[in-house]
Amino acid sequence: MAVMAMKNFKRSDRLQEQMLRDVSSILEGPLRELGDGLMTFTKVRLTADLRTATIYYSFLGSDAARQRSESFLERERGWIRSQVGRNMRVRHIPEIAFKFDPSIEEGIRIEQLFEQIRNEGNKES
């Protein structure tokens, strides 16, 4: 008789995933209207007491477009929190902080370096 192992999920993990989906969905239109650039929300980290959520994002585009998007996130943080809170079943809606995640930019830069190395190797052959 086989025993099926069930994966245990912490409540905070489920809430983080839900917040990530909700923030991405809620902000898709407003961020697109800001102009050039692409903002992607990469992860959410909740504190153990579920009172504070740090939402990480990456951005591809000009520095000016990134600054406009960051200003929008800061300015609309309360509205974003209330929108996210509509779908959450928690006693207290977490306070939200946004933090830039440079991992996608770094990945692209590394890929460009690899491409440059490959091209230089082909020239020498």
PDB file of N, CA and C in Angstrom:
ATOM      1  N   MET A   1       0.848  -1.178   0.000  1.00  0.00           N
ATOM      2  CA  MET A   1       0.000   0.000   0.000  1.00  0.00           C
ATOM      3  C   MET A   1       0.893   1.240   0.000  1.00  0.00           C
ATOM      4  N   ALA A   2       0.713   2.089  -0.968  1.00  0.00           N
ATOM      5  CA  ALA A   2       1.532   3.290  -1.091  1.00  0.00           C
ATOM      6  C   ALA A   2       0.930   4.423  -0.261  1.00  0.00           C
ATOM      7  N   VAL A   3       1.811   5.127   0.398  1.00  0.00           N
ATOM      8  CA  VAL A   3       1.381   6.280   1.178  1.00  0.00           C
ATOM      9  C   VAL A   3       1.717   7.529   0.368  1.00  0.00           C
ATOM     10  N   MET A   4       0.710   8.323   0.145  1.00  0.00           N
ATOM     11  CA  MET A   4       0.926   9.551  -0.629  1.00  0.00           C
ATOM     12  C   MET A   4       1.373  10.649   0.318  1.00  0.00           C
ATOM     13  N   ALA A   5       2.476  11.254  -0.033  1.00  0.00           N
ATOM     14  CA  ALA A   5       2.985  12.357   0.769  1.00  0.00           C
ATOM     15  C   ALA A   5       2.297  13.637   0.324  1.00  0.00           C
ATOM     16  N   MET A   6       1.805  14.365   1.275  1.00  0.00           N
ATOM     17  CA  MET A   6       1.175  15.649   0.967  1.00  0.00           C
ATOM     18  C   MET A   6       2.169  16.757   1.253  1.00  0.00           C
ATOM     19  N   LYS A   7       2.238  17.671   0.349  1.00  0.00           N
ATOM     20  CA  LYS A   7       3.136  18.795   0.535  1.00  0.00           C
ATOM     21  C   LYS A   7       2.477  19.783   1.490  1.00  0.00           C
ATOM     22  N   ASN A   8       3.204  20.171   2.501  1.00  0.00           N
ATOM     23  CA  ASN A   8       2.679  21.129   3.466  1.00  0.00           C
ATOM     24  C   ASN A   8       2.984  22.547   3.000  1.00  0.00           C
ATOM     25  N   PHE A   9       1.948  23.353   2.918  1.00  0.00           N
ATOM     26  CA  PHE A   9       2.104  24.751   2.553  1.00  0.00           C
ATOM     27  C   PHE A   9       1.791  25.607   3.757  1.00  0.00           C
ATOM     28  N   LYS A  10       2.673  26.548   4.028  1.00  0.00           N
ATOM     29  CA  LYS A  10       2.394  27.490   5.090  1.00  0.00           C
ATOM     30  C   LYS A  10       1.393  28.515   4.586  1.00  0.00           C
ATOM     31  N   ARG A  11       0.626  29.055   5.494  1.00  0.00           N
ATOM     32  CA  ARG A  11      -0.361  30.061   5.122  1.00  0.00           C
ATOM     33  C   ARG A  11       0.325  31.254   4.462  1.00  0.00           C
ATOM     34  N   SER A  12       1.475  31.641   4.982  1.00  0.00           N
ATOM     35  CA  SER A  12       2.178  32.790   4.407  1.00  0.00           C
ATOM     36  C   SER A  12       2.582  32.530   2.957  1.00  0.00           C
ATOM     37  N   ASP A  13       2.933  31.282   2.628  1.00  0.00           N
ATOM     38  CA  ASP A  13       3.277  30.961   1.239  1.00  0.00           C
ATOM     39  C   ASP A  13       2.078  31.170   0.314  1.00  0.00           C
ATOM     40  N   ARG A  14       0.912  30.704   0.756  1.00  0.00           N
ATOM     41  CA  ARG A  14      -0.296  30.877  -0.063  1.00  0.00           C
ATOM     42  C   ARG A  14      -0.646  32.354  -0.217  1.00  0.00           C
ATOM     43  N   LEU A  15      -0.530  33.105   0.866  1.00  0.00           N
ATOM     44  CA  LEU A  15      -0.839  34.536   0.811  1.00  0.00           C
ATOM     45  C   LEU A  15       0.146  35.290  -0.088  1.00  0.00           C
ATOM     46  N   GLN A  16       1.422  34.905  -0.038  1.00  0.00           N
ATOM     47  CA  GLN A  16       2.430  35.531  -0.908  1.00  0.00           C
ATOM     48  C   GLN A  16       2.097  35.297  -2.368  1.00  0.00           C
ATOM     49  N   GLU A  17       1.734  34.068  -2.713  1.00  0.00           N
ATOM     50  CA  GLU A  17       1.388  33.749  -4.099  1.00  0.00           C
ATOM     51  C   GLU A  17       0.145  34.518  -4.539  1.00  0.00           C
ATOM     52  N   GLN A  18      -0.841  34.593  -3.650  1.00  0.00           N
ATOM     53  CA  GLN A  18      -2.069  35.312  -3.969  1.00  0.00           C
ATOM     54  C   GLN A  18      -1.780  36.802  -4.168  1.00  0.00           C
ATOM     55  N   MET A  19      -0.974  37.373  -3.287  1.00  0.00           N
ATOM     56  CA  MET A  19      -0.640  38.796  -3.418  1.00  0.00           C
ATOM     57  C   MET A  19       0.103  39.074  -4.718  1.00  0.00           C
ATOM     58  N   LEU A  20       1.011  38.186  -5.091  1.00  0.00           N
ATOM     59  CA  LEU A  20       1.771  38.364  -6.334  1.00  0.00           C
ATOM     60  C   LEU A  20       0.829  38.365  -7.541  1.00  0.00           C
ATOM     61  N   ARG A  21      -0.089  37.416  -7.571  1.00  0.00           N
ATOM     62  CA  ARG A  21      -1.070  37.356  -8.671  1.00  0.00           C
ATOM     63  C   ARG A  21      -1.939  38.617  -8.685  1.00  0.00           C
ATOM     64  N   ASP A  22      -2.421  39.011  -7.508  1.00  0.00           N
ATOM     65  CA  ASP A  22      -3.331  40.152  -7.420  1.00  0.00           C
ATOM     66  C   ASP A  22      -2.646  41.458  -7.823  1.00  0.00           C
ATOM     67  N   VAL A  23      -1.449  41.700  -7.313  1.00  0.00           N
ATOM     68  CA  VAL A  23      -0.739  42.938  -7.642  1.00  0.00           C
ATOM     69  C   VAL A  23      -0.465  42.997  -9.143  1.00  0.00           C
ATOM     70  N   SER A  24      -0.031  41.888  -9.709  1.00  0.00           N
ATOM     71  CA  SER A  24       0.239  41.854 -11.151  1.00  0.00           C
ATOM     72  C   SER A  24      -1.012  42.170 -11.944  1.00  0.00           C
ATOM     73  N   SER A  25      -2.114  41.602 -11.548  1.00  0.00           N
ATOM     74  CA  SER A  25      -3.373  41.804 -12.246  1.00  0.00           C
ATOM     75  C   SER A  25      -3.896  43.229 -12.070  1.00  0.00           C
ATOM     76  N   ILE A  26      -3.879  43.723 -10.858  1.00  0.00           N
ATOM     77  CA  ILE A  26      -4.394  45.056 -10.544  1.00  0.00           C
ATOM     78  C   ILE A  26      -3.608  46.144 -11.278  1.00  0.00           C
ATOM     79  N   LEU A  27      -2.301  45.993 -11.365  1.00  0.00           N
ATOM     80  CA  LEU A  27      -1.450  47.062 -11.899  1.00  0.00           C
ATOM     81  C   LEU A  27      -1.116  46.929 -13.381  1.00  0.00           C
ATOM     82  N   GLU A  28      -1.588  45.880 -14.008  1.00  0.00           N
ATOM     83  CA  GLU A  28      -1.261  45.669 -15.417  1.00  0.00           C
ATOM     84  C   GLU A  28      -1.645  46.880 -16.273  1.00  0.00           C
ATOM     85  N   GLY A  29      -2.865  47.346 -16.177  1.00  0.00           N
ATOM     86  CA  GLY A  29      -3.330  48.478 -16.974  1.00  0.00           C
ATOM     87  C   GLY A  29      -2.687  49.803 -16.587  1.00  0.00           C
ATOM     88  N   PRO A  30      -2.752  50.182 -15.293  1.00  0.00           N
ATOM     89  CA  PRO A  30      -2.174  51.475 -14.906  1.00  0.00           C
ATOM     90  C   PRO A  30      -0.687  51.609 -15.243  1.00  0.00           C
ATOM     91  N   LEU A  31       0.086  50.550 -15.103  1.00  0.00           N
ATOM     92  CA  LEU A  31       1.518  50.637 -15.413  1.00  0.00           C
ATOM     93  C   LEU A  31       1.745  50.754 -16.910  1.00  0.00           C
ATOM     94  N   ARG A  32       0.921  50.102 -17.683  1.00  0.00           N
ATOM     95  CA  ARG A  32       1.052  50.183 -19.141  1.00  0.00           C
ATOM     96  C   ARG A  32       0.806  51.618 -19.607  1.00  0.00           C
ATOM     97  N   GLU A  33      -0.126  52.312 -18.946  1.00  0.00           N
ATOM     98  CA  GLU A  33      -0.463  53.683 -19.327  1.00  0.00           C
ATOM     99  C   GLU A  33       0.654  54.678 -19.018  1.00  0.00           C
ATOM    100  N   LEU A  34       1.580  54.302 -18.126  1.00  0.00           N
ATOM    101  CA  LEU A  34       2.665  55.217 -17.769  1.00  0.00           C
ATOM    102  C   LEU A  34       3.659  55.412 -18.901  1.00  0.00           C
ATOM    103  N   GLY A  35       3.703  54.485 -19.836  1.00  0.00           N
ATOM    104  CA  GLY A  35       4.592  54.675 -20.980  1.00  0.00           C
ATOM    105  C   GLY A  35       5.573  53.551 -21.161  1.00  0.00           C
ATOM    106  N   ASP A  36       6.764  53.939 -21.616  1.00  0.00           N
ATOM    107  CA  ASP A  36       7.803  52.977 -21.978  1.00  0.00           C
ATOM    108  C   ASP A  36       8.220  52.141 -20.786  1.00  0.00           C
ATOM    109  N   GLY A  37       8.594  50.905 -21.071  1.00  0.00           N
ATOM    110  CA  GLY A  37       9.136  50.038 -20.042  1.00  0.00           C
ATOM    111  C   GLY A  37       8.181  48.919 -19.688  1.00  0.00           C
ATOM    112  N   LEU A  38       8.746  47.919 -19.067  1.00  0.00           N
ATOM    113  CA  LEU A  38       7.988  46.746 -18.657  1.00  0.00           C
ATOM    114  C   LEU A  38       8.319  46.433 -17.201  1.00  0.00           C
ATOM    115  N   MET A  39       7.322  46.493 -16.351  1.00  0.00           N
ATOM    116  CA  MET A  39       7.506  46.157 -14.945  1.00  0.00           C
ATOM    117  C   MET A  39       6.902  44.783 -14.708  1.00  0.00           C
ATOM    118  N   THR A  40       7.666  43.934 -14.034  1.00  0.00           N
ATOM    119  CA  THR A  40       7.222  42.600 -13.685  1.00  0.00           C
ATOM    120  C   THR A  40       7.405  42.413 -12.190  1.00  0.00           C
ATOM    121  N   PHE A  41       6.373  41.916 -11.542  1.00  0.00           N
ATOM    122  CA  PHE A  41       6.470  41.629 -10.113  1.00  0.00           C
ATOM    123  C   PHE A  41       7.006  40.220  -9.963  1.00  0.00           C
ATOM    124  N   THR A  42       8.114  40.084  -9.232  1.00  0.00           N
ATOM    125  CA  THR A  42       8.841  38.821  -9.202  1.00  0.00           C
ATOM    126  C   THR A  42       8.542  37.969  -7.975  1.00  0.00           C
ATOM    127  N   LYS A  43       8.319  38.595  -6.819  1.00  0.00           N
ATOM    128  CA  LYS A  43       8.014  37.810  -5.622  1.00  0.00           C
ATOM    129  C   LYS A  43       7.459  38.715  -4.534  1.00  0.00           C
ATOM    130  N   VAL A  44       6.833  38.096  -3.567  1.00  0.00           N
ATOM    131  CA  VAL A  44       6.309  38.785  -2.393  1.00  0.00           C
ATOM    132  C   VAL A  44       6.860  38.067  -1.174  1.00  0.00           C
ATOM    133  N   ARG A  45       7.328  38.829  -0.215  1.00  0.00           N
ATOM    134  CA  ARG A  45       7.808  38.274   1.045  1.00  0.00           C
ATOM    135  C   ARG A  45       6.999  38.883   2.178  1.00  0.00           C
ATOM    136  N   LEU A  46       6.308  38.027   2.929  1.00  0.00           N
ATOM    137  CA  LEU A  46       5.540  38.458   4.090  1.00  0.00           C
ATOM    138  C   LEU A  46       6.342  38.207   5.358  1.00  0.00           C
ATOM    139  N   THR A  47       6.202  39.106   6.317  1.00  0.00           N
ATOM    140  CA  THR A  47       6.823  38.862   7.620  1.00  0.00           C
ATOM    141  C   THR A  47       6.066  37.742   8.309  1.00  0.00           C
ATOM    142  N   ALA A  48       6.671  37.145   9.324  1.00  0.00           N
ATOM    143  CA  ALA A  48       6.072  36.011  10.025  1.00  0.00           C
ATOM    144  C   ALA A  48       4.705  36.356  10.617  1.00  0.00           C
ATOM    145  N   ASP A  49       4.524  37.598  11.051  1.00  0.00           N
ATOM    146  CA  ASP A  49       3.236  37.996  11.634  1.00  0.00           C
ATOM    147  C   ASP A  49       2.214  38.442  10.578  1.00  0.00           C
ATOM    148  N   LEU A  50       2.582  38.358   9.299  1.00  0.00           N
ATOM    149  CA  LEU A  50       1.727  38.699   8.155  1.00  0.00           C
ATOM    150  C   LEU A  50       1.307  40.173   8.135  1.00  0.00           C
ATOM    151  N   ARG A  51       2.060  41.031   8.798  1.00  0.00           N
ATOM    152  CA  ARG A  51       1.702  42.447   8.882  1.00  0.00           C
ATOM    153  C   ARG A  51       2.353  43.301   7.800  1.00  0.00           C
ATOM    154  N   THR A  52       3.462  42.825   7.238  1.00  0.00           N
ATOM    155  CA  THR A  52       4.190  43.607   6.240  1.00  0.00           C
ATOM    156  C   THR A  52       4.546  42.722   5.049  1.00  0.00           C
ATOM    157  N   ALA A  53       4.292  43.248   3.859  1.00  0.00           N
ATOM    158  CA  ALA A  53       4.630  42.540   2.629  1.00  0.00           C
ATOM    159  C   ALA A  53       5.602  43.388   1.827  1.00  0.00           C
ATOM    160  N   THR A  54       6.715  42.784   1.441  1.00  0.00           N
ATOM    161  CA  THR A  54       7.643  43.431   0.522  1.00  0.00           C
ATOM    162  C   THR A  54       7.403  42.820  -0.847  1.00  0.00           C
ATOM    163  N   ILE A  55       7.062  43.668  -1.803  1.00  0.00           N
ATOM    164  CA  ILE A  55       6.768  43.212  -3.155  1.00  0.00           C
ATOM    165  C   ILE A  55       7.947  43.605  -4.040  1.00  0.00           C
ATOM    166  N   TYR A  56       8.600  42.598  -4.609  1.00  0.00           N
ATOM    167  CA  TYR A  56       9.778  42.812  -5.449  1.00  0.00           C
ATOM    168  C   TYR A  56       9.348  42.904  -6.911  1.00  0.00           C
ATOM    169  N   TYR A  57      10.012  43.782  -7.647  1.00  0.00           N
ATOM    170  CA  TYR A  57       9.696  43.956  -9.054  1.00  0.00           C
ATOM    171  C   TYR A  57      10.978  44.161  -9.846  1.00  0.00           C
ATOM    172  N   SER A  58      10.884  43.830 -11.123  1.00  0.00           N
ATOM    173  CA  SER A  58      11.981  44.127 -12.041  1.00  0.00           C
ATOM    174  C   SER A  58      11.433  45.103 -13.075  1.00  0.00           C
ATOM    175  N   PHE A  59      12.341  45.796 -13.743  1.00  0.00           N
ATOM    176  CA  PHE A  59      11.917  46.774 -14.730  1.00  0.00           C
ATOM    177  C   PHE A  59      12.881  46.769 -15.899  1.00  0.00           C
ATOM    178  N   LEU A  60      12.312  46.716 -17.086  1.00  0.00           N
ATOM    179  CA  LEU A  60      13.104  46.836 -18.311  1.00  0.00           C
ATOM    180  C   LEU A  60      12.643  48.088 -19.035  1.00  0.00           C
ATOM    181  N   GLY A  61      13.562  49.003 -19.227  1.00  0.00           N
ATOM    182  CA  GLY A  61      13.237  50.259 -19.884  1.00  0.00           C
ATOM    183  C   GLY A  61      14.219  51.330 -19.442  1.00  0.00           C
ATOM    184  N   SER A  62      13.913  52.548 -19.810  1.00  0.00           N
ATOM    185  CA  SER A  62      14.800  53.661 -19.486  1.00  0.00           C
ATOM    186  C   SER A  62      14.739  53.987 -17.989  1.00  0.00           C
ATOM    187  N   ASP A  63      15.770  54.682 -17.523  1.00  0.00           N
ATOM    188  CA  ASP A  63      15.790  55.097 -16.119  1.00  0.00           C
ATOM    189  C   ASP A  63      14.639  56.047 -15.810  1.00  0.00           C
ATOM    190  N   ALA A  64      14.323  56.926 -16.742  1.00  0.00           N
ATOM    191  CA  ALA A  64      13.221  57.876 -16.536  1.00  0.00           C
ATOM    192  C   ALA A  64      11.893  57.140 -16.405  1.00  0.00           C
ATOM    193  N   ALA A  65      11.672  56.131 -17.251  1.00  0.00           N
ATOM    194  CA  ALA A  65      10.437  55.350 -17.180  1.00  0.00           C
ATOM    195  C   ALA A  65      10.374  54.563 -15.871  1.00  0.00           C
ATOM    196  N   ARG A  66      11.511  54.048 -15.444  1.00  0.00           N
ATOM    197  CA  ARG A  66      11.553  53.316 -14.166  1.00  0.00           C
ATOM    198  C   ARG A  66      11.211  54.252 -13.005  1.00  0.00           C
ATOM    199  N   GLN A  67      11.750  55.460 -13.036  1.00  0.00           N
ATOM    200  CA  GLN A  67      11.452  56.420 -11.965  1.00  0.00           C
ATOM    201  C   GLN A  67       9.979  56.797 -11.949  1.00  0.00           C
ATOM    202  N   ARG A  68       9.362  56.953 -13.123  1.00  0.00           N
ATOM    203  CA  ARG A  68       7.923  57.244 -13.182  1.00  0.00           C
ATOM    204  C   ARG A  68       7.124  56.099 -12.575  1.00  0.00           C
ATOM    205  N   SER A  69       7.502  54.873 -12.914  1.00  0.00           N
ATOM    206  CA  SER A  69       6.794  53.702 -12.380  1.00  0.00           C
ATOM    207  C   SER A  69       6.981  53.576 -10.878  1.00  0.00           C
ATOM    208  N   GLU A  70       8.200  53.809 -10.402  1.00  0.00           N
ATOM    209  CA  GLU A  70       8.453  53.743  -8.961  1.00  0.00           C
ATOM    210  C   GLU A  70       7.663  54.819  -8.214  1.00  0.00           C
ATOM    211  N   SER A  71       7.589  56.017  -8.779  1.00  0.00           N
ATOM    212  CA  SER A  71       6.810  57.098  -8.165  1.00  0.00           C
ATOM    213  C   SER A  71       5.331  56.717  -8.098  1.00  0.00           C
ATOM    214  N   PHE A  72       4.841  56.113  -9.170  1.00  0.00           N
ATOM    215  CA  PHE A  72       3.447  55.662  -9.193  1.00  0.00           C
ATOM    216  C   PHE A  72       3.190  54.649  -8.076  1.00  0.00           C
ATOM    217  N   LEU A  73       4.081  53.655  -7.937  1.00  0.00           N
ATOM    218  CA  LEU A  73       3.905  52.639  -6.899  1.00  0.00           C
ATOM    219  C   LEU A  73       3.875  53.272  -5.513  1.00  0.00           C
ATOM    220  N   GLU A  74       4.774  54.201  -5.258  1.00  0.00           N
ATOM    221  CA  GLU A  74       4.825  54.863  -3.948  1.00  0.00           C
ATOM    222  C   GLU A  74       3.573  55.689  -3.713  1.00  0.00           C
ATOM    223  N   ARG A  75       3.184  56.453  -4.711  1.00  0.00           N
ATOM    224  CA  ARG A  75       2.025  57.339  -4.588  1.00  0.00           C
ATOM    225  C   ARG A  75       0.727  56.558  -4.390  1.00  0.00           C
ATOM    226  N   GLU A  76       0.608  55.419  -5.063  1.00  0.00           N
ATOM    227  CA  GLU A  76      -0.632  54.636  -5.046  1.00  0.00           C
ATOM    228  C   GLU A  76      -0.573  53.438  -4.095  1.00  0.00           C
ATOM    229  N   ARG A  77       0.395  53.412  -3.203  1.00  0.00           N
ATOM    230  CA  ARG A  77       0.578  52.263  -2.309  1.00  0.00           C
ATOM    231  C   ARG A  77      -0.674  51.958  -1.491  1.00  0.00           C
ATOM    232  N   GLY A  78      -1.339  52.973  -0.966  1.00  0.00           N
ATOM    233  CA  GLY A  78      -2.559  52.765  -0.183  1.00  0.00           C
ATOM    234  C   GLY A  78      -3.677  52.163  -1.006  1.00  0.00           C
ATOM    235  N   TRP A  79      -3.862  52.685  -2.232  1.00  0.00           N
ATOM    236  CA  TRP A  79      -4.884  52.151  -3.128  1.00  0.00           C
ATOM    237  C   TRP A  79      -4.569  50.694  -3.497  1.00  0.00           C
ATOM    238  N   ILE A  80      -3.298  50.429  -3.791  1.00  0.00           N
ATOM    239  CA  ILE A  80      -2.885  49.068  -4.145  1.00  0.00           C
ATOM    240  C   ILE A  80      -3.175  48.122  -2.975  1.00  0.00           C
ATOM    241  N   ARG A  81      -2.838  48.559  -1.778  1.00  0.00           N
ATOM    242  CA  ARG A  81      -3.079  47.747  -0.578  1.00  0.00           C
ATOM    243  C   ARG A  81      -4.574  47.448  -0.420  1.00  0.00           C
ATOM    244  N   SER A  82      -5.416  48.437  -0.626  1.00  0.00           N
ATOM    245  CA  SER A  82      -6.860  48.205  -0.470  1.00  0.00           C
ATOM    246  C   SER A  82      -7.375  47.249  -1.539  1.00  0.00           C
ATOM    247  N   GLN A  83      -6.863  47.364  -2.766  1.00  0.00           N
ATOM    248  CA  GLN A  83      -7.292  46.462  -3.841  1.00  0.00           C
ATOM    249  C   GLN A  83      -6.860  45.023  -3.564  1.00  0.00           C
ATOM    250  N   VAL A  84      -5.625  44.861  -3.109  1.00  0.00           N
ATOM    251  CA  VAL A  84      -5.120  43.523  -2.781  1.00  0.00           C
ATOM    252  C   VAL A  84      -5.915  42.945  -1.606  1.00  0.00           C
ATOM    253  N   GLY A  85      -6.245  43.776  -0.638  1.00  0.00           N
ATOM    254  CA  GLY A  85      -6.963  43.329   0.547  1.00  0.00           C
ATOM    255  C   GLY A  85      -8.351  42.791   0.273  1.00  0.00           C
ATOM    256  N   ARG A  86      -8.960  43.192  -0.836  1.00  0.00           N
ATOM    257  CA  ARG A  86     -10.303  42.696  -1.179  1.00  0.00           C
ATOM    258  C   ARG A  86     -10.345  41.186  -1.349  1.00  0.00           C
ATOM    259  N   ASN A  87      -9.250  40.599  -1.816  1.00  0.00           N
ATOM    260  CA  ASN A  87      -9.225  39.158  -2.087  1.00  0.00           C
ATOM    261  C   ASN A  87      -8.593  38.342  -0.970  1.00  0.00           C
ATOM    262  N   MET A  88      -8.108  39.009   0.052  1.00  0.00           N
ATOM    263  CA  MET A  88      -7.413  38.284   1.120  1.00  0.00           C
ATOM    264  C   MET A  88      -8.356  38.022   2.286  1.00  0.00           C
ATOM    265  N   ARG A  89      -8.206  36.870   2.844  1.00  0.00           N
ATOM    266  CA  ARG A  89      -8.990  36.520   4.032  1.00  0.00           C
ATOM    267  C   ARG A  89      -8.059  36.542   5.241  1.00  0.00           C
ATOM    268  N   VAL A  90      -7.752  37.752   5.665  1.00  0.00           N
ATOM    269  CA  VAL A  90      -6.879  37.955   6.817  1.00  0.00           C
ATOM    270  C   VAL A  90      -7.485  39.029   7.710  1.00  0.00           C
ATOM    271  N   ARG A  91      -7.120  38.993   8.951  1.00  0.00           N
ATOM    272  CA  ARG A  91      -7.629  39.982   9.897  1.00  0.00           C
ATOM    273  C   ARG A  91      -7.091  41.375   9.589  1.00  0.00           C
ATOM    274  N   HIS A  92      -5.806  41.443   9.261  1.00  0.00           N
ATOM    275  CA  HIS A  92      -5.165  42.718   8.947  1.00  0.00           C
ATOM    276  C   HIS A  92      -4.528  42.628   7.563  1.00  0.00           C
ATOM    277  N   ILE A  93      -4.844  43.588   6.723  1.00  0.00           N
ATOM    278  CA  ILE A  93      -4.220  43.642   5.398  1.00  0.00           C
ATOM    279  C   ILE A  93      -2.785  44.113   5.597  1.00  0.00           C
ATOM    280  N   PRO A  94      -1.812  43.384   5.046  1.00  0.00           N
ATOM    281  CA  PRO A  94      -0.406  43.764   5.254  1.00  0.00           C
ATOM    282  C   PRO A  94      -0.072  45.138   4.687  1.00  0.00           C
ATOM    283  N   GLU A  95       0.798  45.849   5.383  1.00  0.00           N
ATOM    284  CA  GLU A  95       1.378  47.075   4.843  1.00  0.00           C
ATOM    285  C   GLU A  95       2.265  46.647   3.679  1.00  0.00           C
ATOM    286  N   ILE A  96       2.340  47.477   2.669  1.00  0.00           N
ATOM    287  CA  ILE A  96       3.076  47.111   1.456  1.00  0.00           C
ATOM    288  C   ILE A  96       4.285  48.022   1.267  1.00  0.00           C
ATOM    289  N   ALA A  97       5.394  47.392   0.913  1.00  0.00           N
ATOM    290  CA  ALA A  97       6.603  48.116   0.510  1.00  0.00           C
ATOM    291  C   ALA A  97       7.053  47.511  -0.816  1.00  0.00           C
ATOM    292  N   PHE A  98       7.526  48.341  -1.709  1.00  0.00           N
ATOM    293  CA  PHE A  98       8.024  47.870  -3.002  1.00  0.00           C
ATOM    294  C   PHE A  98       9.535  47.967  -3.016  1.00  0.00           C
ATOM    295  N   LYS A  99      10.175  46.943  -3.619  1.00  0.00           N
ATOM    296  CA  LYS A  99      11.629  46.925  -3.681  1.00  0.00           C
ATOM    297  C   LYS A  99      12.060  46.428  -5.057  1.00  0.00           C
ATOM    298  N   PHE A 100      13.019  47.130  -5.636  1.00  0.00           N
ATOM    299  CA  PHE A 100      13.529  46.761  -6.954  1.00  0.00           C
ATOM    300  C   PHE A 100      14.328  45.467  -6.875  1.00  0.00           C
ATOM    301  N   ASP A 101      14.083  44.576  -7.833  1.00  0.00           N
ATOM    302  CA  ASP A 101      14.790  43.300  -7.945  1.00  0.00           C
ATOM    303  C   ASP A 101      15.607  43.331  -9.237  1.00  0.00           C
ATOM    304  N   PRO A 102      16.935  43.473  -9.132  1.00  0.00           N
ATOM    305  CA  PRO A 102      17.763  43.622 -10.337  1.00  0.00           C
ATOM    306  C   PRO A 102      18.092  42.307 -11.040  1.00  0.00           C
ATOM    307  N   SER A 103      17.563  41.183 -10.596  1.00  0.00           N
ATOM    308  CA  SER A 103      17.988  39.888 -11.126  1.00  0.00           C
ATOM    309  C   SER A 103      17.745  39.728 -12.619  1.00  0.00           C
ATOM    310  N   ILE A 104      16.641  40.237 -13.140  1.00  0.00           N
ATOM    311  CA  ILE A 104      16.370  40.087 -14.578  1.00  0.00           C
ATOM    312  C   ILE A 104      17.351  40.931 -15.387  1.00  0.00           C
ATOM    313  N   GLU A 105      17.588  42.171 -14.956  1.00  0.00           N
ATOM    314  CA  GLU A 105      18.574  43.012 -15.642  1.00  0.00           C
ATOM    315  C   GLU A 105      19.947  42.355 -15.625  1.00  0.00           C
ATOM    316  N   GLU A 106      20.328  41.808 -14.483  1.00  0.00           N
ATOM    317  CA  GLU A 106      21.633  41.142 -14.368  1.00  0.00           C
ATOM    318  C   GLU A 106      21.701  39.932 -15.277  1.00  0.00           C
ATOM    319  N   GLY A 107      20.615  39.172 -15.371  1.00  0.00           N
ATOM    320  CA  GLY A 107      20.571  38.010 -16.255  1.00  0.00           C
ATOM    321  C   GLY A 107      20.753  38.400 -17.712  1.00  0.00           C
ATOM    322  N   ILE A 108      20.102  39.479 -18.114  1.00  0.00           N
ATOM    323  CA  ILE A 108      20.237  39.963 -19.489  1.00  0.00           C
ATOM    324  C   ILE A 108      21.666  40.426 -19.747  1.00  0.00           C
ATOM    325  N   ARG A 109      22.243  41.133 -18.783  1.00  0.00           N
ATOM    326  CA  ARG A 109      23.617  41.618 -18.940  1.00  0.00           C
ATOM    327  C   ARG A 109      24.582  40.433 -19.066  1.00  0.00           C
ATOM    328  N   ILE A 110      24.396  39.408 -18.251  1.00  0.00           N
ATOM    329  CA  ILE A 110      25.262  38.224 -18.315  1.00  0.00           C
ATOM    330  C   ILE A 110      25.095  37.520 -19.661  1.00  0.00           C
ATOM    331  N   GLU A 111      23.856  37.414 -20.138  1.00  0.00           N
ATOM    332  CA  GLU A 111      23.612  36.786 -21.431  1.00  0.00           C
ATOM    333  C   GLU A 111      24.291  37.576 -22.548  1.00  0.00           C
ATOM    334  N   GLN A 112      24.268  38.903 -22.455  1.00  0.00           N
ATOM    335  CA  GLN A 112      24.940  39.734 -23.457  1.00  0.00           C
ATOM    336  C   GLN A 112      26.451  39.515 -23.418  1.00  0.00           C
ATOM    337  N   LEU A 113      27.012  39.363 -22.219  1.00  0.00           N
ATOM    338  CA  LEU A 113      28.449  39.095 -22.102  1.00  0.00           C
ATOM    339  C   LEU A 113      28.795  37.739 -22.726  1.00  0.00           C
ATOM    340  N   PHE A 114      27.965  36.724 -22.471  1.00  0.00           N
ATOM    341  CA  PHE A 114      28.200  35.412 -23.084  1.00  0.00           C
ATOM    342  C   PHE A 114      28.135  35.515 -24.607  1.00  0.00           C
ATOM    343  N   GLU A 115      27.179  36.263 -25.119  1.00  0.00           N
ATOM    344  CA  GLU A 115      27.043  36.431 -26.559  1.00  0.00           C
ATOM    345  C   GLU A 115      28.271  37.136 -27.127  1.00  0.00           C
ATOM    346  N   GLN A 116      28.760  38.131 -26.417  1.00  0.00           N
ATOM    347  CA  GLN A 116      29.963  38.849 -26.845  1.00  0.00           C
ATOM    348  C   GLN A 116      31.163  37.900 -26.882  1.00  0.00           C
ATOM    349  N   ILE A 117      31.302  37.060 -25.873  1.00  0.00           N
ATOM    350  CA  ILE A 117      32.401  36.089 -25.824  1.00  0.00           C
ATOM    351  C   ILE A 117      32.281  35.098 -26.981  1.00  0.00           C
ATOM    352  N   ARG A 118      31.062  34.615 -27.250  1.00  0.00           N
ATOM    353  CA  ARG A 118      30.859  33.690 -28.361  1.00  0.00           C
ATOM    354  C   ARG A 118      31.214  34.338 -29.696  1.00  0.00           C
ATOM    355  N   ASN A 119      30.808  35.586 -29.882  1.00  0.00           N
ATOM    356  CA  ASN A 119      31.112  36.294 -31.123  1.00  0.00           C
ATOM    357  C   ASN A 119      32.611  36.507 -31.292  1.00  0.00           C
ATOM    358  N   GLU A 120      33.305  36.837 -30.224  1.00  0.00           N
ATOM    359  CA  GLU A 120      34.747  37.022 -30.299  1.00  0.00           C
ATOM    360  C   GLU A 120      35.446  35.693 -30.587  1.00  0.00           C
ATOM    361  N   GLY A 121      34.933  34.605 -30.035  1.00  0.00           N
ATOM    362  CA  GLY A 121      35.490  33.277 -30.311  1.00  0.00           C
ATOM    363  C   GLY A 121      35.311  32.883 -31.756  1.00  0.00           C
ATOM    364  N   ASN A 122      34.159  33.255 -32.350  1.00  0.00           N
ATOM    365  CA  ASN A 122      33.900  32.942 -33.751  1.00  0.00           C
ATOM    366  C   ASN A 122      34.806  33.750 -34.686  1.00  0.00           C
ATOM    367  N   LYS A 123      35.133  34.971 -34.303  1.00  0.00           N
ATOM    368  CA  LYS A 123      36.009  35.813 -35.116  1.00  0.00           C
ATOM    369  C   LYS A 123      37.421  35.281 -35.163  1.00  0.00           C
ATOM    370  N   GLU A 124      37.866  34.678 -34.061  1.00  0.00           N
ATOM    371  CA  GLU A 124      39.226  34.144 -33.976  1.00  0.00           C
ATOM    372  C   GLU A 124      39.379  32.840 -34.733  1.00  0.00           C
ATOM    373  N   SER A 125      38.276  32.148 -34.988  1.00  0.00           N
ATOM    374  CA  SER A 125      38.354  30.848 -35.664  1.00  0.00           C
ATOM    375  C   SER A 125      38.612  30.960 -37.134  1.00  0.00           C
TER     376      SER A 125
END
